[in-house]
Amino acid sequence: MTTAPPAQASIDVSGLLPPEPMEQVLEALAALPAGHTLHVLIDREPFPLYRILDRHGYRHRCAPREDYRFDLLIRQGPCSDL
């Protein structure tokens, strides 16, 4: 029997000026049900956000895309869950 992957919510904050992307990510995380992953499409790597995520027990993985944007996955718990 296979386990279903965790549910995922997605937001696109590309094209927004700071601090709007961070604000939208934090609002989305506040509404995210436990065990879910947030996928963020963003046009710059959000280095200031990483400290906030780490401080609040979130794990993150960021990967560049061919279109010069980034896919950011955020979830509470161990990094292996991403």
C-alpha atoms as a PDB file:
ATOM      1  CA  MET A   1       0.000   0.000   0.000  1.00  0.00           C
ATOM      2  CA  THR A   2       1.387   3.412  -0.945  1.00  0.00           C
ATOM      3  CA  THR A   3       1.042   6.553   1.102  1.00  0.00           C
ATOM      4  CA  ALA A   4      -0.541   9.575  -0.556  1.00  0.00           C
ATOM      5  CA  PRO A   5       1.758  12.584  -0.878  1.00  0.00           C
ATOM      6  CA  PRO A   6       0.983  15.494   1.424  1.00  0.00           C
ATOM      7  CA  ALA A   7      -1.543  18.011   0.155  1.00  0.00           C
ATOM      8  CA  GLN A   8      -0.108  21.134  -1.395  1.00  0.00           C
ATOM      9  CA  ALA A   9      -1.282  24.735  -1.706  1.00  0.00           C
ATOM     10  CA  SER A  10       0.271  27.082  -4.270  1.00  0.00           C
ATOM     11  CA  ILE A  11       0.725  30.822  -4.556  1.00  0.00           C
ATOM     12  CA  ASP A  12       2.423  32.939  -7.216  1.00  0.00           C
ATOM     13  CA  VAL A  13       4.158  36.020  -5.832  1.00  0.00           C
ATOM     14  CA  SER A  14       6.400  36.669  -8.831  1.00  0.00           C
ATOM     15  CA  GLY A  15       6.390  40.249 -10.021  1.00  0.00           C
ATOM     16  CA  LEU A  16       5.484  41.692  -6.614  1.00  0.00           C
ATOM     17  CA  LEU A  17       7.743  44.216  -4.917  1.00  0.00           C
ATOM     18  CA  PRO A  18       9.110  43.594  -1.420  1.00  0.00           C
ATOM     19  CA  PRO A  19       7.775  43.153   1.182  1.00  0.00           C
ATOM     20  CA  GLU A  20       4.588  41.883  -0.506  1.00  0.00           C
ATOM     21  CA  PRO A  21       5.948  38.407  -1.437  1.00  0.00           C
ATOM     22  CA  MET A  22       7.030  37.747   2.162  1.00  0.00           C
ATOM     23  CA  GLU A  23       3.738  39.023   3.543  1.00  0.00           C
ATOM     24  CA  GLN A  24       1.719  36.803   1.207  1.00  0.00           C
ATOM     25  CA  VAL A  25       3.859  33.756   2.026  1.00  0.00           C
ATOM     26  CA  LEU A  26       3.442  34.312   5.779  1.00  0.00           C
ATOM     27  CA  GLU A  27      -0.336  34.782   5.374  1.00  0.00           C
ATOM     28  CA  ALA A  28      -0.561  31.580   3.325  1.00  0.00           C
ATOM     29  CA  LEU A  29       1.459  29.667   5.935  1.00  0.00           C
ATOM     30  CA  ALA A  30      -0.827  30.910   8.717  1.00  0.00           C
ATOM     31  CA  ALA A  31      -3.816  29.423   6.849  1.00  0.00           C
ATOM     32  CA  LEU A  32      -2.045  26.211   5.787  1.00  0.00           C
ATOM     33  CA  PRO A  33      -3.450  23.081   7.446  1.00  0.00           C
ATOM     34  CA  ALA A  34      -1.009  20.911   9.414  1.00  0.00           C
ATOM     35  CA  GLY A  35       0.844  18.445   7.237  1.00  0.00           C
ATOM     36  CA  HIS A  36       0.372  20.435   4.041  1.00  0.00           C
ATOM     37  CA  THR A  37       3.099  21.917   1.860  1.00  0.00           C
ATOM     38  CA  LEU A  38       3.105  25.424   0.416  1.00  0.00           C
ATOM     39  CA  HIS A  39       4.493  25.826  -3.114  1.00  0.00           C
ATOM     40  CA  VAL A  40       5.570  29.391  -3.880  1.00  0.00           C
ATOM     41  CA  LEU A  41       6.467  30.645  -7.342  1.00  0.00           C
ATOM     42  CA  ILE A  42       8.764  33.634  -6.872  1.00  0.00           C
ATOM     43  CA  ASP A  43      11.111  35.625  -9.083  1.00  0.00           C
ATOM     44  CA  ARG A  44      13.974  35.990  -6.604  1.00  0.00           C
ATOM     45  CA  GLU A  45      15.394  33.737  -3.922  1.00  0.00           C
ATOM     46  CA  PRO A  46      13.843  34.981  -0.645  1.00  0.00           C
ATOM     47  CA  PHE A  47      16.891  34.976   1.646  1.00  0.00           C
ATOM     48  CA  PRO A  48      15.267  37.155   4.388  1.00  0.00           C
ATOM     49  CA  LEU A  49      12.328  34.738   4.557  1.00  0.00           C
ATOM     50  CA  TYR A  50      14.572  31.748   5.318  1.00  0.00           C
ATOM     51  CA  ARG A  51      15.484  33.026   8.811  1.00  0.00           C
ATOM     52  CA  ILE A  52      11.812  33.510   9.673  1.00  0.00           C
ATOM     53  CA  LEU A  53      10.938  30.039   8.427  1.00  0.00           C
ATOM     54  CA  ASP A  54      13.795  28.430  10.366  1.00  0.00           C
ATOM     55  CA  ARG A  55      12.839  30.275  13.545  1.00  0.00           C
ATOM     56  CA  HIS A  56       9.250  28.994  13.336  1.00  0.00           C
ATOM     57  CA  GLY A  57      10.079  25.358  12.568  1.00  0.00           C
ATOM     58  CA  TYR A  58       9.425  25.394   8.831  1.00  0.00           C
ATOM     59  CA  ARG A  59      11.676  23.583   6.386  1.00  0.00           C
ATOM     60  CA  HIS A  60      12.190  24.870   2.876  1.00  0.00           C
ATOM     61  CA  ARG A  61      13.677  23.880  -0.428  1.00  0.00           C
ATOM     62  CA  CYS A  62      14.225  26.333  -3.258  1.00  0.00           C
ATOM     63  CA  ALA A  63      15.068  25.385  -6.844  1.00  0.00           C
ATOM     64  CA  PRO A  64      15.701  27.615  -9.854  1.00  0.00           C
ATOM     65  CA  ARG A  65      13.534  27.189 -12.934  1.00  0.00           C
ATOM     66  CA  GLU A  66      14.432  27.595 -16.587  1.00  0.00           C
ATOM     67  CA  ASP A  67      12.300  30.758 -16.731  1.00  0.00           C
ATOM     68  CA  TYR A  68      14.592  32.415 -14.115  1.00  0.00           C
ATOM     69  CA  ARG A  69      12.016  32.152 -11.346  1.00  0.00           C
ATOM     70  CA  PHE A  70      12.205  29.873  -8.322  1.00  0.00           C
ATOM     71  CA  ASP A  71      10.054  27.075  -6.943  1.00  0.00           C
ATOM     72  CA  LEU A  72       9.999  27.306  -3.157  1.00  0.00           C
ATOM     73  CA  LEU A  73       8.483  24.481  -1.104  1.00  0.00           C
ATOM     74  CA  ILE A  74       7.732  25.135   2.570  1.00  0.00           C
ATOM     75  CA  ARG A  75       6.540  22.644   5.174  1.00  0.00           C
ATOM     76  CA  GLN A  76       6.724  22.149   8.918  1.00  0.00           C
ATOM     77  CA  GLY A  77       8.920  19.259   9.961  1.00  0.00           C
ATOM     78  CA  PRO A  78      12.077  17.532   8.699  1.00  0.00           C
ATOM     79  CA  CYS A  79      13.568  18.503   5.325  1.00  0.00           C
ATOM     80  CA  SER A  80      13.156  14.930   4.102  1.00  0.00           C
ATOM     81  CA  ASP A  81       9.400  15.597   4.047  1.00  0.00           C
ATOM     82  CA  LEU A  82       9.786  17.981   1.094  1.00  0.00           C
END
